[in-house]
Amino acid sequence: MKTCHLLRRLLPGLLFLPFIVRAENGLPLNEISTRAYRYFHKTWSAVKDETWYKTDKELIVSFKSNGHLKKAFFNPRGSFLYSIEYYPGIDLSPDVTGMIQKKYPDFQIDAVTQVSNPDRVLYFVHIKNASFIRTISVIEEKVEVYEELINGDPRRD
């Protein structure tokens, strides 16, 4: 009987607890779409320290997974739009690495930005050699130069 009275006293406070707790950046949890929150935790279940942001057009969650910085973007209603992942070139999949090395054998893969949506995965890969720094895009096995800069490497002849 005493347990029942205790639960009745605590229950109202427990119901409002999710509205009192805030994300690290100060965004109240009640401003995070339930749909986005559930999708995020179902898709990236091992993540614990996420940070949620809100803009006029999107809800964004920033987090680390497997040592990579990631961001997931949702529309205001909580539907998943896309995610962006940043990581070193050494972590790029062997298939994509092979495509790049075949087309640019004298370049070193430096860094990767991977953009994923429900339909496909796009890669923007920074490669470099003594003469150039290039950002290439890899979209459905098509490798193209997206941006090219002259490398200021002093070892260049």
C-alpha atoms as a PDB file:
ATOM      1  CA  MET A   1       0.000   0.000   0.000  1.00  0.00           C
ATOM      2  CA  LYS A   2       2.843   2.399   0.838  1.00  0.00           C
ATOM      3  CA  THR A   3       4.431   1.727  -2.569  1.00  0.00           C
ATOM      4  CA  CYS A   4       1.232   2.740  -4.336  1.00  0.00           C
ATOM      5  CA  HIS A   5       1.115   6.111  -2.516  1.00  0.00           C
ATOM      6  CA  LEU A   6       4.783   6.727  -3.292  1.00  0.00           C
ATOM      7  CA  LEU A   7       4.232   6.022  -7.005  1.00  0.00           C
ATOM      8  CA  ARG A   8       1.276   8.412  -7.073  1.00  0.00           C
ATOM      9  CA  ARG A   9       3.449  11.169  -5.644  1.00  0.00           C
ATOM     10  CA  LEU A  10       6.375  10.524  -8.004  1.00  0.00           C
ATOM     11  CA  LEU A  11       4.420   9.881 -11.196  1.00  0.00           C
ATOM     12  CA  PRO A  12       3.589  13.533 -12.051  1.00  0.00           C
ATOM     13  CA  GLY A  13       7.275  14.478 -11.689  1.00  0.00           C
ATOM     14  CA  LEU A  14       8.396  11.540 -13.822  1.00  0.00           C
ATOM     15  CA  LEU A  15       5.957  12.474 -16.571  1.00  0.00           C
ATOM     16  CA  PHE A  16       7.470  15.951 -16.860  1.00  0.00           C
ATOM     17  CA  LEU A  17      11.102  14.810 -16.558  1.00  0.00           C
ATOM     18  CA  PRO A  18      11.643  14.540 -20.348  1.00  0.00           C
ATOM     19  CA  PHE A  19      10.615  18.179 -20.701  1.00  0.00           C
ATOM     20  CA  ILE A  20      13.020  19.347 -18.021  1.00  0.00           C
ATOM     21  CA  VAL A  21      16.100  17.462 -19.224  1.00  0.00           C
ATOM     22  CA  ARG A  22      18.037  19.310 -21.917  1.00  0.00           C
ATOM     23  CA  ALA A  23      20.473  18.222 -24.591  1.00  0.00           C
ATOM     24  CA  GLU A  24      24.123  19.314 -24.209  1.00  0.00           C
ATOM     25  CA  ASN A  25      23.619  22.402 -26.345  1.00  0.00           C
ATOM     26  CA  GLY A  26      20.587  23.548 -24.388  1.00  0.00           C
ATOM     27  CA  LEU A  27      17.920  22.396 -26.870  1.00  0.00           C
ATOM     28  CA  PRO A  28      15.053  21.101 -24.724  1.00  0.00           C
ATOM     29  CA  LEU A  29      14.188  17.497 -25.500  1.00  0.00           C
ATOM     30  CA  ASN A  30      10.559  18.438 -26.073  1.00  0.00           C
ATOM     31  CA  GLU A  31      11.731  20.456 -29.118  1.00  0.00           C
ATOM     32  CA  ILE A  32      13.202  17.321 -30.674  1.00  0.00           C
ATOM     33  CA  SER A  33      10.768  15.477 -32.897  1.00  0.00           C
ATOM     34  CA  THR A  34       9.821  12.123 -31.394  1.00  0.00           C
ATOM     35  CA  ARG A  35       9.974  10.613 -34.874  1.00  0.00           C
ATOM     36  CA  ALA A  36      13.522  11.929 -35.456  1.00  0.00           C
ATOM     37  CA  TYR A  37      14.667  10.872 -31.985  1.00  0.00           C
ATOM     38  CA  ARG A  38      13.364   7.325 -32.426  1.00  0.00           C
ATOM     39  CA  TYR A  39      14.807   6.995 -35.943  1.00  0.00           C
ATOM     40  CA  PHE A  40      18.180   8.243 -34.720  1.00  0.00           C
ATOM     41  CA  HIS A  41      18.374   5.839 -31.778  1.00  0.00           C
ATOM     42  CA  LYS A  42      17.163   2.912 -33.856  1.00  0.00           C
ATOM     43  CA  THR A  43      19.689   3.588 -36.653  1.00  0.00           C
ATOM     44  CA  TRP A  44      22.658   4.515 -34.446  1.00  0.00           C
ATOM     45  CA  SER A  45      21.810   2.579 -31.286  1.00  0.00           C
ATOM     46  CA  ALA A  46      25.353   2.561 -29.849  1.00  0.00           C
ATOM     47  CA  VAL A  47      25.609   6.375 -29.751  1.00  0.00           C
ATOM     48  CA  LYS A  48      25.237   7.961 -26.341  1.00  0.00           C
ATOM     49  CA  ASP A  49      26.530  11.542 -26.473  1.00  0.00           C
ATOM     50  CA  GLU A  50      24.615  13.172 -29.281  1.00  0.00           C
ATOM     51  CA  THR A  51      23.987  16.908 -29.547  1.00  0.00           C
ATOM     52  CA  TRP A  52      20.777  18.183 -31.134  1.00  0.00           C
ATOM     53  CA  TYR A  53      20.425  21.492 -32.991  1.00  0.00           C
ATOM     54  CA  LYS A  54      17.454  23.169 -34.580  1.00  0.00           C
ATOM     55  CA  THR A  55      17.390  25.577 -37.514  1.00  0.00           C
ATOM     56  CA  ASP A  56      14.427  27.121 -39.294  1.00  0.00           C
ATOM     57  CA  LYS A  57      14.382  24.287 -41.813  1.00  0.00           C
ATOM     58  CA  GLU A  58      16.050  21.276 -40.177  1.00  0.00           C
ATOM     59  CA  LEU A  59      16.664  19.332 -37.040  1.00  0.00           C
ATOM     60  CA  ILE A  60      20.314  18.230 -36.837  1.00  0.00           C
ATOM     61  CA  VAL A  61      22.004  15.764 -34.537  1.00  0.00           C
ATOM     62  CA  SER A  62      25.799  15.680 -34.258  1.00  0.00           C
ATOM     63  CA  PHE A  63      27.551  12.615 -32.838  1.00  0.00           C
ATOM     64  CA  LYS A  64      30.535  10.295 -33.085  1.00  0.00           C
ATOM     65  CA  SER A  65      30.288   6.733 -34.299  1.00  0.00           C
ATOM     66  CA  ASN A  66      33.279   4.425 -34.767  1.00  0.00           C
ATOM     67  CA  GLY A  67      35.510   7.437 -34.141  1.00  0.00           C
ATOM     68  CA  HIS A  68      33.986   9.360 -37.062  1.00  0.00           C
ATOM     69  CA  LEU A  69      32.153  12.661 -36.737  1.00  0.00           C
ATOM     70  CA  LYS A  70      28.631  12.343 -38.120  1.00  0.00           C
ATOM     71  CA  LYS A  71      25.610  14.572 -38.532  1.00  0.00           C
ATOM     72  CA  ALA A  72      22.092  13.454 -39.324  1.00  0.00           C
ATOM     73  CA  PHE A  73      19.521  15.844 -40.771  1.00  0.00           C
ATOM     74  CA  PHE A  74      15.741  15.642 -40.373  1.00  0.00           C
ATOM     75  CA  ASN A  75      12.929  17.813 -41.679  1.00  0.00           C
ATOM     76  CA  PRO A  76      10.756  19.685 -39.125  1.00  0.00           C
ATOM     77  CA  ARG A  77       8.294  16.780 -39.015  1.00  0.00           C
ATOM     78  CA  GLY A  78      11.087  14.353 -38.075  1.00  0.00           C
ATOM     79  CA  SER A  79      11.606  12.531 -41.377  1.00  0.00           C
ATOM     80  CA  PHE A  80      15.199  11.554 -42.061  1.00  0.00           C
ATOM     81  CA  LEU A  81      16.746  13.532 -44.931  1.00  0.00           C
ATOM     82  CA  TYR A  82      20.433  12.591 -45.069  1.00  0.00           C
ATOM     83  CA  SER A  83      23.570  12.116 -42.994  1.00  0.00           C
ATOM     84  CA  ILE A  84      27.113  13.377 -43.386  1.00  0.00           C
ATOM     85  CA  GLU A  85      30.148  11.498 -42.092  1.00  0.00           C
ATOM     86  CA  TYR A  86      33.735  12.758 -41.973  1.00  0.00           C
ATOM     87  CA  TYR A  87      36.698  10.399 -41.718  1.00  0.00           C
ATOM     88  CA  PRO A  88      40.319   9.812 -42.783  1.00  0.00           C
ATOM     89  CA  GLY A  89      41.069   8.253 -46.160  1.00  0.00           C
ATOM     90  CA  ILE A  90      42.440   5.095 -44.567  1.00  0.00           C
ATOM     91  CA  ASP A  91      38.884   4.228 -43.424  1.00  0.00           C
ATOM     92  CA  LEU A  92      37.390   4.453 -46.926  1.00  0.00           C
ATOM     93  CA  SER A  93      35.902   1.200 -48.194  1.00  0.00           C
ATOM     94  CA  PRO A  94      38.221  -0.948 -50.344  1.00  0.00           C
ATOM     95  CA  ASP A  95      35.806  -0.789 -53.304  1.00  0.00           C
ATOM     96  CA  VAL A  96      35.800   3.008 -53.446  1.00  0.00           C
ATOM     97  CA  THR A  97      39.540   3.160 -52.724  1.00  0.00           C
ATOM     98  CA  GLY A  98      40.168   0.831 -55.664  1.00  0.00           C
ATOM     99  CA  MET A  99      38.114   2.997 -58.042  1.00  0.00           C
ATOM    100  CA  ILE A 100      40.047   6.092 -56.996  1.00  0.00           C
ATOM    101  CA  GLN A 101      43.473   4.472 -57.162  1.00  0.00           C
ATOM    102  CA  LYS A 102      42.708   3.088 -60.605  1.00  0.00           C
ATOM    103  CA  LYS A 103      41.897   6.555 -61.979  1.00  0.00           C
ATOM    104  CA  TYR A 104      44.446   8.524 -59.901  1.00  0.00           C
ATOM    105  CA  PRO A 105      47.345   6.131 -59.181  1.00  0.00           C
ATOM    106  CA  ASP A 106      49.836   8.830 -58.184  1.00  0.00           C
ATOM    107  CA  PHE A 107      47.533  10.429 -55.588  1.00  0.00           C
ATOM    108  CA  GLN A 108      47.190   9.744 -51.877  1.00  0.00           C
ATOM    109  CA  ILE A 109      43.695   9.603 -50.352  1.00  0.00           C
ATOM    110  CA  ASP A 110      43.584  12.159 -47.555  1.00  0.00           C
ATOM    111  CA  ALA A 111      40.067  12.716 -46.169  1.00  0.00           C
ATOM    112  CA  VAL A 112      36.508  11.657 -46.932  1.00  0.00           C
ATOM    113  CA  THR A 113      33.094  13.292 -46.596  1.00  0.00           C
ATOM    114  CA  GLN A 114      30.357  10.715 -47.077  1.00  0.00           C
ATOM    115  CA  VAL A 115      26.796  11.885 -47.711  1.00  0.00           C
ATOM    116  CA  SER A 116      24.087   9.252 -47.362  1.00  0.00           C
ATOM    117  CA  ASN A 117      20.383   9.470 -47.996  1.00  0.00           C
ATOM    118  CA  PRO A 118      17.832   6.655 -48.212  1.00  0.00           C
ATOM    119  CA  ASP A 119      18.506   6.265 -51.963  1.00  0.00           C
ATOM    120  CA  ARG A 120      22.286   6.389 -52.325  1.00  0.00           C
ATOM    121  CA  VAL A 121      25.713   7.174 -50.904  1.00  0.00           C
ATOM    122  CA  LEU A 122      27.936   9.941 -52.282  1.00  0.00           C
ATOM    123  CA  TYR A 123      31.602  10.419 -51.473  1.00  0.00           C
ATOM    124  CA  PHE A 124      33.641  13.595 -51.677  1.00  0.00           C
ATOM    125  CA  VAL A 125      37.252  12.535 -51.332  1.00  0.00           C
ATOM    126  CA  HIS A 126      40.295  14.776 -50.911  1.00  0.00           C
ATOM    127  CA  ILE A 127      43.300  13.352 -52.735  1.00  0.00           C
ATOM    128  CA  LYS A 128      46.720  14.912 -53.124  1.00  0.00           C
ATOM    129  CA  ASN A 129      50.111  14.533 -54.725  1.00  0.00           C
ATOM    130  CA  ALA A 130      53.109  16.867 -55.005  1.00  0.00           C
ATOM    131  CA  SER A 131      51.396  19.010 -57.654  1.00  0.00           C
ATOM    132  CA  PHE A 132      47.664  19.041 -56.898  1.00  0.00           C
ATOM    133  CA  ILE A 133      45.039  18.738 -54.221  1.00  0.00           C
ATOM    134  CA  ARG A 134      41.753  17.516 -55.642  1.00  0.00           C
ATOM    135  CA  THR A 135      38.323  16.929 -54.294  1.00  0.00           C
ATOM    136  CA  ILE A 136      36.715  14.186 -56.291  1.00  0.00           C
ATOM    137  CA  SER A 137      33.180  12.938 -56.182  1.00  0.00           C
ATOM    138  CA  VAL A 138      32.322   9.266 -56.319  1.00  0.00           C
ATOM    139  CA  ILE A 139      28.679   8.735 -57.200  1.00  0.00           C
ATOM    140  CA  GLU A 140      27.450   5.312 -58.272  1.00  0.00           C
ATOM    141  CA  GLU A 141      30.890   4.201 -59.499  1.00  0.00           C
ATOM    142  CA  LYS A 142      31.411   7.451 -61.427  1.00  0.00           C
ATOM    143  CA  VAL A 143      34.583   9.278 -60.353  1.00  0.00           C
ATOM    144  CA  GLU A 144      34.896  12.964 -61.301  1.00  0.00           C
ATOM    145  CA  VAL A 145      36.988  15.951 -60.245  1.00  0.00           C
ATOM    146  CA  TYR A 146      34.837  18.290 -58.188  1.00  0.00           C
ATOM    147  CA  GLU A 147      37.538  20.816 -57.288  1.00  0.00           C
ATOM    148  CA  GLU A 148      41.253  21.177 -58.050  1.00  0.00           C
ATOM    149  CA  LEU A 149      43.889  23.295 -56.335  1.00  0.00           C
ATOM    150  CA  ILE A 150      47.614  23.654 -56.920  1.00  0.00           C
ATOM    151  CA  ASN A 151      49.534  22.064 -54.079  1.00  0.00           C
ATOM    152  CA  GLY A 152      51.934  24.417 -52.335  1.00  0.00           C
ATOM    153  CA  ASP A 153      54.060  21.461 -51.247  1.00  0.00           C
ATOM    154  CA  PRO A 154      57.726  22.615 -51.149  1.00  0.00           C
ATOM    155  CA  ARG A 155      58.843  19.184 -52.416  1.00  0.00           C
ATOM    156  CA  ARG A 156      57.176  19.923 -55.757  1.00  0.00           C
ATOM    157  CA  ASP A 157      59.624  20.264 -58.673  1.00  0.00           C
END
